[in-house]
Protein backbone atom coordinates (compact mmCIF):
# COMPACT_ATOMS: atom_id res chain seq x y z
CA UNK A 1 2.87 10.41 10.28
CA UNK A 2 3.03 11.75 6.78
CA UNK A 3 -0.57 10.76 6.02
CA UNK A 4 -1.90 13.48 8.33
CA UNK A 5 0.07 15.95 6.19
CA UNK A 6 -1.35 14.37 3.02
CA UNK A 7 2.09 13.17 2.00
CA UNK A 8 0.68 9.78 1.09
CA UNK A 9 3.68 8.51 -0.83
CA UNK A 10 6.03 8.89 2.13
CA UNK A 11 3.33 7.61 4.48
CA UNK A 12 3.01 4.44 2.37
CA UNK A 13 6.75 3.84 2.55
CA UNK A 14 6.72 4.42 6.31
CA UNK A 15 3.82 2.05 6.95
CA UNK A 16 5.29 -0.69 4.76
CA UNK A 17 8.67 -0.32 6.48
CA UNK A 18 7.00 -0.70 9.87
CA UNK A 19 4.98 -3.68 8.61
CA UNK A 20 8.27 -5.38 7.68
CA UNK A 21 9.86 -4.76 11.10
CA UNK A 22 10.74 -8.06 12.81
CA UNK A 23 9.60 -6.72 16.21
CA UNK A 24 6.01 -6.16 15.05
CA UNK A 25 3.48 -8.95 15.65
CA UNK A 26 1.63 -10.43 12.66
CA UNK A 27 -1.72 -8.75 13.33
CA UNK A 28 -0.20 -5.30 13.72
CA UNK A 29 2.01 -5.89 10.68
CA UNK A 30 -1.08 -6.65 8.58
CA UNK A 31 -2.81 -3.48 9.82
CA UNK A 32 0.28 -1.44 8.93
CA UNK A 33 0.48 -3.17 5.55
CA UNK A 34 -3.16 -2.23 4.82
CA UNK A 35 -2.50 1.37 5.84
CA UNK A 36 0.55 1.46 3.58
CA UNK A 37 -1.44 0.09 0.67
CA UNK A 38 -4.26 2.59 1.24
CA UNK A 39 -1.78 5.47 1.28
CA UNK A 40 -0.10 4.19 -1.87
CA UNK A 41 -3.45 3.95 -3.66
CA UNK A 42 -4.44 7.55 -2.86
CA UNK A 43 -0.99 9.02 -3.49
CA UNK A 44 -0.57 11.13 -6.63
CA UNK A 45 0.50 9.43 -9.84
CA UNK A 46 4.28 9.16 -10.14
CA UNK A 47 7.07 6.71 -10.82
CA UNK A 48 7.54 6.34 -7.08
CA UNK A 49 3.87 5.38 -6.61
CA UNK A 50 4.25 2.73 -9.32
CA UNK A 51 7.35 1.36 -7.61
CA UNK A 52 5.65 1.23 -4.22
CA UNK A 53 2.57 -0.51 -5.63
CA UNK A 54 4.83 -2.99 -7.43
CA UNK A 55 6.66 -3.82 -4.20
CA UNK A 56 3.36 -4.20 -2.34
CA UNK A 57 1.89 -6.36 -5.12
CA UNK A 58 4.83 -8.79 -4.88
CA UNK A 59 4.40 -9.14 -1.11
CA UNK A 60 2.51 -12.30 -0.06
CA UNK A 61 0.33 -10.25 2.28
CA UNK A 62 -1.18 -8.39 -0.66
CA UNK A 63 -3.52 -11.29 -1.35
CA UNK A 64 -4.86 -11.05 2.21
CA UNK A 65 -5.17 -7.26 2.13
CA UNK A 66 -8.44 -5.39 2.44
CA UNK A 67 -7.67 -3.75 -0.89
CA UNK A 68 -6.35 -6.76 -2.83
CA UNK A 69 -8.91 -6.40 -5.65
CA UNK A 70 -8.07 -2.75 -6.16
CA UNK A 71 -4.33 -3.45 -6.02
CA UNK A 72 -4.76 -6.17 -8.64
CA UNK A 73 -6.52 -3.68 -10.92
CA UNK A 74 -3.68 -1.18 -10.52
CA UNK A 75 -1.08 -3.87 -11.17
CA UNK A 76 -2.77 -5.16 -14.30
CA UNK A 77 -3.59 -1.70 -15.67
CA UNK A 78 -7.36 -2.16 -15.57
CA UNK A 79 -9.56 0.92 -15.65
CA UNK A 80 -11.26 1.67 -12.37
CA UNK A 81 -14.73 3.05 -12.91
CA UNK A 82 -16.89 4.71 -10.28
CA UNK A 83 -19.79 2.58 -9.18
């Protein structure tokens, strides 16, 4: 996939597309969704990244995601400080 080539934006789109495939079971779809979200988070800043994060944020699965807190911070424009 694109993530091995560090093309995280396209990888995010690919994972989210697979997660939305009707032939994928719920558990696998959630794993793919989490991978898509992770790729979107680490992708370089761009309008496309903002669009992808917006689409992911509106998805009901985002609240169940491993990265829901981080996604919420991106969506609300909060500063993310290193711990």
